[in-house]
């Protein structure tokens, strides 16, 4: 005697779809948080580079005056 294939109920399909949506949303949140951290690191690096260039320019300016 063969068993009939198990077909998920509409409620099971809805629950699975909700879990899938929650998983996608969680992944997106992690992605955006990581992207935000990366952008902030790049901004800090850029600011640091500008500060370094300004300090070097100031030193060069002082050498040229003397």
PDB file of N, CA and C in Angstrom:
ATOM      1  N   UNK A   1       0.836  -1.161   0.000  1.00  0.00           N
ATOM      2  CA  UNK A   1       0.000   0.000   0.000  1.00  0.00           C
ATOM      3  C   UNK A   1       0.894   1.241   0.000  1.00  0.00           C
ATOM      4  N   UNK A   2       0.736   2.138  -0.996  1.00  0.00           N
ATOM      5  CA  UNK A   2       1.559   3.335  -1.069  1.00  0.00           C
ATOM      6  C   UNK A   2       0.852   4.486  -0.371  1.00  0.00           C
ATOM      7  N   UNK A   3       1.690   5.341   0.195  1.00  0.00           N
ATOM      8  CA  UNK A   3       1.136   6.509   0.882  1.00  0.00           C
ATOM      9  C   UNK A   3       0.998   7.660  -0.106  1.00  0.00           C
ATOM     10  N   UNK A   4      -0.017   8.454   0.096  1.00  0.00           N
ATOM     11  CA  UNK A   4      -0.206   9.634  -0.744  1.00  0.00           C
ATOM     12  C   UNK A   4       0.864  10.661  -0.375  1.00  0.00           C
ATOM     13  N   UNK A   5       1.358  11.425  -1.350  1.00  0.00           N
ATOM     14  CA  UNK A   5       2.373  12.440  -1.025  1.00  0.00           C
ATOM     15  C   UNK A   5       1.800  13.473  -0.059  1.00  0.00           C
ATOM     16  N   UNK A   6       2.666  13.874   0.852  1.00  0.00           N
ATOM     17  CA  UNK A   6       2.235  14.873   1.824  1.00  0.00           C
ATOM     18  C   UNK A   6       2.245  16.252   1.188  1.00  0.00           C
ATOM     19  N   UNK A   7       1.110  16.871   1.207  1.00  0.00           N
ATOM     20  CA  UNK A   7       0.984  18.218   0.672  1.00  0.00           C
ATOM     21  C   UNK A   7       0.820  19.175   1.843  1.00  0.00           C
ATOM     22  N   UNK A   8       1.646  20.201   1.882  1.00  0.00           N
ATOM     23  CA  UNK A   8       1.519  21.136   3.010  1.00  0.00           C
ATOM     24  C   UNK A   8       0.182  21.874   2.962  1.00  0.00           C
ATOM     25  N   UNK A   9      -0.314  22.159   4.120  1.00  0.00           N
ATOM     26  CA  UNK A   9      -1.573  22.900   4.206  1.00  0.00           C
ATOM     27  C   UNK A   9      -1.315  24.371   3.880  1.00  0.00           C
ATOM     28  N   UNK A  10      -2.364  25.092   3.555  1.00  0.00           N
ATOM     29  CA  UNK A  10      -2.182  26.531   3.294  1.00  0.00           C
ATOM     30  C   UNK A  10      -1.542  27.251   4.484  1.00  0.00           C
ATOM     31  N   UNK A  11      -1.928  26.865   5.691  1.00  0.00           N
ATOM     32  CA  UNK A  11      -1.358  27.486   6.887  1.00  0.00           C
ATOM     33  C   UNK A  11       0.153  27.216   6.970  1.00  0.00           C
ATOM     34  N   UNK A  12       0.568  26.010   6.639  1.00  0.00           N
ATOM     35  CA  UNK A  12       1.992  25.670   6.659  1.00  0.00           C
ATOM     36  C   UNK A  12       2.758  26.475   5.608  1.00  0.00           C
ATOM     37  N   UNK A  13       2.138  26.635   4.445  1.00  0.00           N
ATOM     38  CA  UNK A  13       2.769  27.433   3.391  1.00  0.00           C
ATOM     39  C   UNK A  13       2.932  28.890   3.827  1.00  0.00           C
ATOM     40  N   UNK A  14       1.910  29.433   4.459  1.00  0.00           N
ATOM     41  CA  UNK A  14       1.957  30.814   4.940  1.00  0.00           C
ATOM     42  C   UNK A  14       3.039  30.963   5.998  1.00  0.00           C
ATOM     43  N   UNK A  15       3.114  30.023   6.937  1.00  0.00           N
ATOM     44  CA  UNK A  15       4.123  30.086   7.993  1.00  0.00           C
ATOM     45  C   UNK A  15       5.532  30.000   7.407  1.00  0.00           C
ATOM     46  N   UNK A  16       5.701  29.119   6.433  1.00  0.00           N
ATOM     47  CA  UNK A  16       7.016  28.982   5.808  1.00  0.00           C
ATOM     48  C   UNK A  16       7.383  30.268   5.069  1.00  0.00           C
ATOM     49  N   UNK A  17       6.438  30.847   4.381  1.00  0.00           N
ATOM     50  CA  UNK A  17       6.691  32.092   3.658  1.00  0.00           C
ATOM     51  C   UNK A  17       7.036  33.212   4.635  1.00  0.00           C
ATOM     52  N   UNK A  18       6.354  33.270   5.767  1.00  0.00           N
ATOM     53  CA  UNK A  18       6.660  34.285   6.769  1.00  0.00           C
ATOM     54  C   UNK A  18       8.079  34.109   7.309  1.00  0.00           C
ATOM     55  N   UNK A  19       8.485  32.857   7.560  1.00  0.00           N
ATOM     56  CA  UNK A  19       9.853  32.593   8.029  1.00  0.00           C
ATOM     57  C   UNK A  19      10.872  33.009   6.973  1.00  0.00           C
ATOM     58  N   UNK A  20      10.563  32.718   5.717  1.00  0.00           N
ATOM     59  CA  UNK A  20      11.467  33.111   4.635  1.00  0.00           C
ATOM     60  C   UNK A  20      11.610  34.629   4.564  1.00  0.00           C
ATOM     61  N   UNK A  21      10.508  35.336   4.695  1.00  0.00           N
ATOM     62  CA  UNK A  21      10.539  36.802   4.672  1.00  0.00           C
ATOM     63  C   UNK A  21      11.346  37.325   5.857  1.00  0.00           C
ATOM     64  N   UNK A  22      11.147  36.755   7.033  1.00  0.00           N
ATOM     65  CA  UNK A  22      11.910  37.170   8.212  1.00  0.00           C
ATOM     66  C   UNK A  22      13.404  36.921   8.013  1.00  0.00           C
ATOM     67  N   UNK A  23      13.754  35.792   7.407  1.00  0.00           N
ATOM     68  CA  UNK A  23      15.161  35.494   7.135  1.00  0.00           C
ATOM     69  C   UNK A  23      15.768  36.493   6.158  1.00  0.00           C
ATOM     70  N   UNK A  24      15.021  36.844   5.129  1.00  0.00           N
ATOM     71  CA  UNK A  24      15.510  37.824   4.160  1.00  0.00           C
ATOM     72  C   UNK A  24      15.683  39.186   4.833  1.00  0.00           C
ATOM     73  N   UNK A  25      14.715  39.573   5.658  1.00  0.00           N
ATOM     74  CA  UNK A  25      14.810  40.860   6.347  1.00  0.00           C
ATOM     75  C   UNK A  25      16.013  40.890   7.302  1.00  0.00           C
ATOM     76  N   UNK A  26      16.248  39.800   7.996  1.00  0.00           N
ATOM     77  CA  UNK A  26      17.396  39.720   8.900  1.00  0.00           C
ATOM     78  C   UNK A  26      18.695  39.839   8.112  1.00  0.00           C
ATOM     79  N   UNK A  27      18.786  39.153   7.000  1.00  0.00           N
ATOM     80  CA  UNK A  27      19.983  39.228   6.161  1.00  0.00           C
ATOM     81  C   UNK A  27      20.186  40.644   5.633  1.00  0.00           C
ATOM     82  N   UNK A  28      19.115  41.301   5.218  1.00  0.00           N
ATOM     83  CA  UNK A  28      19.216  42.679   4.727  1.00  0.00           C
ATOM     84  C   UNK A  28      19.684  43.613   5.837  1.00  0.00           C
ATOM     85  N   UNK A  29      19.155  43.428   7.041  1.00  0.00           N
ATOM     86  CA  UNK A  29      19.558  44.277   8.160  1.00  0.00           C
ATOM     87  C   UNK A  29      21.047  44.116   8.452  1.00  0.00           C
ATOM     88  N   UNK A  30      21.538  42.883   8.409  1.00  0.00           N
ATOM     89  CA  UNK A  30      22.964  42.645   8.627  1.00  0.00           C
ATOM     90  C   UNK A  30      23.791  43.274   7.504  1.00  0.00           C
ATOM     91  N   UNK A  31      23.309  43.147   6.288  1.00  0.00           N
ATOM     92  CA  UNK A  31      24.011  43.724   5.144  1.00  0.00           C
ATOM     93  C   UNK A  31      24.101  45.239   5.270  1.00  0.00           C
ATOM     94  N   UNK A  32      22.986  45.884   5.590  1.00  0.00           N
ATOM     95  CA  UNK A  32      22.989  47.342   5.708  1.00  0.00           C
ATOM     96  C   UNK A  32      23.825  47.806   6.892  1.00  0.00           C
ATOM     97  N   UNK A  33      23.811  47.080   7.994  1.00  0.00           N
ATOM     98  CA  UNK A  33      24.643  47.432   9.150  1.00  0.00           C
ATOM     99  C   UNK A  33      26.117  47.332   8.777  1.00  0.00           C
ATOM    100  N   UNK A  34      26.482  46.292   8.057  1.00  0.00           N
ATOM    101  CA  UNK A  34      27.872  46.126   7.626  1.00  0.00           C
ATOM    102  C   UNK A  34      28.269  47.222   6.643  1.00  0.00           C
ATOM    103  N   UNK A  35      27.383  47.554   5.746  1.00  0.00           N
ATOM    104  CA  UNK A  35      27.650  48.615   4.781  1.00  0.00           C
ATOM    105  C   UNK A  35      27.821  49.954   5.493  1.00  0.00           C
ATOM    106  N   UNK A  36      26.994  50.204   6.492  1.00  0.00           N
ATOM    107  CA  UNK A  36      27.106  51.442   7.267  1.00  0.00           C
ATOM    108  C   UNK A  36      28.460  51.518   7.971  1.00  0.00           C
ATOM    109  N   UNK A  37      28.898  50.400   8.550  1.00  0.00           N
ATOM    110  CA  UNK A  37      30.209  50.371   9.208  1.00  0.00           C
ATOM    111  C   UNK A  37      31.319  50.642   8.208  1.00  0.00           C
ATOM    112  N   UNK A  38      31.224  50.050   7.032  1.00  0.00           N
ATOM    113  CA  UNK A  38      32.235  50.246   6.003  1.00  0.00           C
ATOM    114  C   UNK A  38      32.291  51.713   5.564  1.00  0.00           C
ATOM    115  N   UNK A  39      31.138  52.321   5.362  1.00  0.00           N
ATOM    116  CA  UNK A  39      31.092  53.729   4.962  1.00  0.00           C
ATOM    117  C   UNK A  39      31.701  54.597   6.062  1.00  0.00           C
ATOM    118  N   UNK A  40      31.351  54.323   7.317  1.00  0.00           N
ATOM    119  CA  UNK A  40      31.909  55.103   8.424  1.00  0.00           C
ATOM    120  C   UNK A  40      33.422  54.950   8.512  1.00  0.00           C
ATOM    121  N   UNK A  41      33.930  53.741   8.292  1.00  0.00           N
ATOM    122  CA  UNK A  41      35.378  53.531   8.290  1.00  0.00           C
ATOM    123  C   UNK A  41      36.039  54.324   7.164  1.00  0.00           C
ATOM    124  N   UNK A  42      35.427  54.322   5.994  1.00  0.00           N
ATOM    125  CA  UNK A  42      35.982  55.074   4.868  1.00  0.00           C
ATOM    126  C   UNK A  42      35.967  56.572   5.143  1.00  0.00           C
ATOM    127  N   UNK A  43      34.930  57.059   5.780  1.00  0.00           N
ATOM    128  CA  UNK A  43      34.860  58.483   6.129  1.00  0.00           C
ATOM    129  C   UNK A  43      35.961  58.829   7.125  1.00  0.00           C
ATOM    130  N   UNK A  44      36.141  57.982   8.135  1.00  0.00           N
ATOM    131  CA  UNK A  44      37.188  58.229   9.124  1.00  0.00           C
ATOM    132  C   UNK A  44      38.573  58.194   8.479  1.00  0.00           C
ATOM    133  N   UNK A  45      38.781  57.272   7.574  1.00  0.00           N
ATOM    134  CA  UNK A  45      40.054  57.187   6.865  1.00  0.00           C
ATOM    135  C   UNK A  45      40.285  58.441   6.029  1.00  0.00           C
ATOM    136  N   UNK A  46      39.265  58.907   5.365  1.00  0.00           N
ATOM    137  CA  UNK A  46      39.370  60.120   4.551  1.00  0.00           C
ATOM    138  C   UNK A  46      39.694  61.323   5.422  1.00  0.00           C
ATOM    139  N   UNK A  47      39.005  61.453   6.560  1.00  0.00           N
ATOM    140  CA  UNK A  47      39.279  62.560   7.486  1.00  0.00           C
ATOM    141  C   UNK A  47      40.711  62.494   7.987  1.00  0.00           C
ATOM    142  N   UNK A  48      41.155  61.305   8.349  1.00  0.00           N
ATOM    143  CA  UNK A  48      42.519  61.122   8.831  1.00  0.00           C
ATOM    144  C   UNK A  48      43.532  61.501   7.748  1.00  0.00           C
ATOM    145  N   UNK A  49      43.265  61.113   6.523  1.00  0.00           N
ATOM    146  CA  UNK A  49      44.151  61.453   5.414  1.00  0.00           C
ATOM    147  C   UNK A  49      44.201  62.964   5.206  1.00  0.00           C
ATOM    148  N   UNK A  50      43.059  63.616   5.301  1.00  0.00           N
ATOM    149  CA  UNK A  50      43.033  65.071   5.153  1.00  0.00           C
ATOM    150  C   UNK A  50      43.825  65.744   6.271  1.00  0.00           C
ATOM    151  N   UNK A  51      43.679  65.257   7.491  1.00  0.00           N
ATOM    152  CA  UNK A  51      44.428  65.810   8.618  1.00  0.00           C
ATOM    153  C   UNK A  51      45.929  65.640   8.398  1.00  0.00           C
ATOM    154  N   UNK A  52      46.308  64.477   7.895  1.00  0.00           N
ATOM    155  CA  UNK A  52      47.728  64.208   7.643  1.00  0.00           C
ATOM    156  C   UNK A  52      48.272  65.119   6.544  1.00  0.00           C
ATOM    157  N   UNK A  53      47.502  65.289   5.487  1.00  0.00           N
ATOM    158  CA  UNK A  53      47.923  66.178   4.394  1.00  0.00           C
ATOM    159  C   UNK A  53      48.030  67.612   4.899  1.00  0.00           C
ATOM    160  N   UNK A  54      47.078  68.026   5.720  1.00  0.00           N
ATOM    161  CA  UNK A  54      47.116  69.382   6.265  1.00  0.00           C
ATOM    162  C   UNK A  54      48.353  69.578   7.136  1.00  0.00           C
ATOM    163  N   UNK A  55      48.670  68.597   7.957  1.00  0.00           N
ATOM    164  CA  UNK A  55      49.848  68.694   8.819  1.00  0.00           C
ATOM    165  C   UNK A  55      51.122  68.744   7.981  1.00  0.00           C
ATOM    166  N   UNK A  56      51.211  67.915   6.957  1.00  0.00           N
ATOM    167  CA  UNK A  56      52.386  67.922   6.082  1.00  0.00           C
ATOM    168  C   UNK A  56      52.500  69.243   5.326  1.00  0.00           C
ATOM    169  N   UNK A  57      51.385  69.766   4.874  1.00  0.00           N
ATOM    170  CA  UNK A  57      51.388  71.048   4.159  1.00  0.00           C
ATOM    171  C   UNK A  57      51.844  72.166   5.080  1.00  0.00           C
ATOM    172  N   UNK A  58      51.421  72.113   6.312  1.00  0.00           N
ATOM    173  CA  UNK A  58      51.822  73.122   7.283  1.00  0.00           C
ATOM    174  C   UNK A  58      53.330  73.065   7.526  1.00  0.00           C
ATOM    175  N   UNK A  59      53.867  71.853   7.635  1.00  0.00           N
ATOM    176  CA  UNK A  59      55.310  71.688   7.809  1.00  0.00           C
ATOM    177  C   UNK A  59      56.081  72.243   6.616  1.00  0.00           C
ATOM    178  N   UNK A  60      55.613  71.935   5.420  1.00  0.00           N
ATOM    179  CA  UNK A  60      56.259  72.425   4.194  1.00  0.00           C
ATOM    180  C   UNK A  60      56.196  73.949   4.159  1.00  0.00           C
ATOM    181  N   UNK A  61      55.060  74.489   4.522  1.00  0.00           N
ATOM    182  CA  UNK A  61      54.907  75.951   4.558  1.00  0.00           C
ATOM    183  C   UNK A  61      55.854  76.589   5.541  1.00  0.00           C
ATOM    184  N   UNK A  62      56.052  75.987   6.673  1.00  0.00           N
ATOM    185  CA  UNK A  62      56.973  76.518   7.675  1.00  0.00           C
ATOM    186  C   UNK A  62      58.416  76.434   7.183  1.00  0.00           C
ATOM    187  N   UNK A  63      58.775  75.393   6.475  1.00  0.00           N
ATOM    188  CA  UNK A  63      60.138  75.241   5.952  1.00  0.00           C
ATOM    189  C   UNK A  63      60.420  76.303   4.885  1.00  0.00           C
ATOM    190  N   UNK A  64      59.410  76.605   4.063  1.00  0.00           N
ATOM    191  CA  UNK A  64      59.608  77.572   3.001  1.00  0.00           C
ATOM    192  C   UNK A  64      59.747  78.991   3.540  1.00  0.00           C
ATOM    193  N   UNK A  65      59.116  79.261   4.673  1.00  0.00           N
ATOM    194  CA  UNK A  65      59.176  80.604   5.273  1.00  0.00           C
ATOM    195  C   UNK A  65      60.570  80.853   5.825  1.00  0.00           C
ATOM    196  N   UNK A  66      61.198  79.825   6.385  1.00  0.00           N
ATOM    197  CA  UNK A  66      62.524  80.010   7.007  1.00  0.00           C
ATOM    198  C   UNK A  66      63.562  80.040   5.996  1.00  0.00           C
TER     199      UNK A  66
END
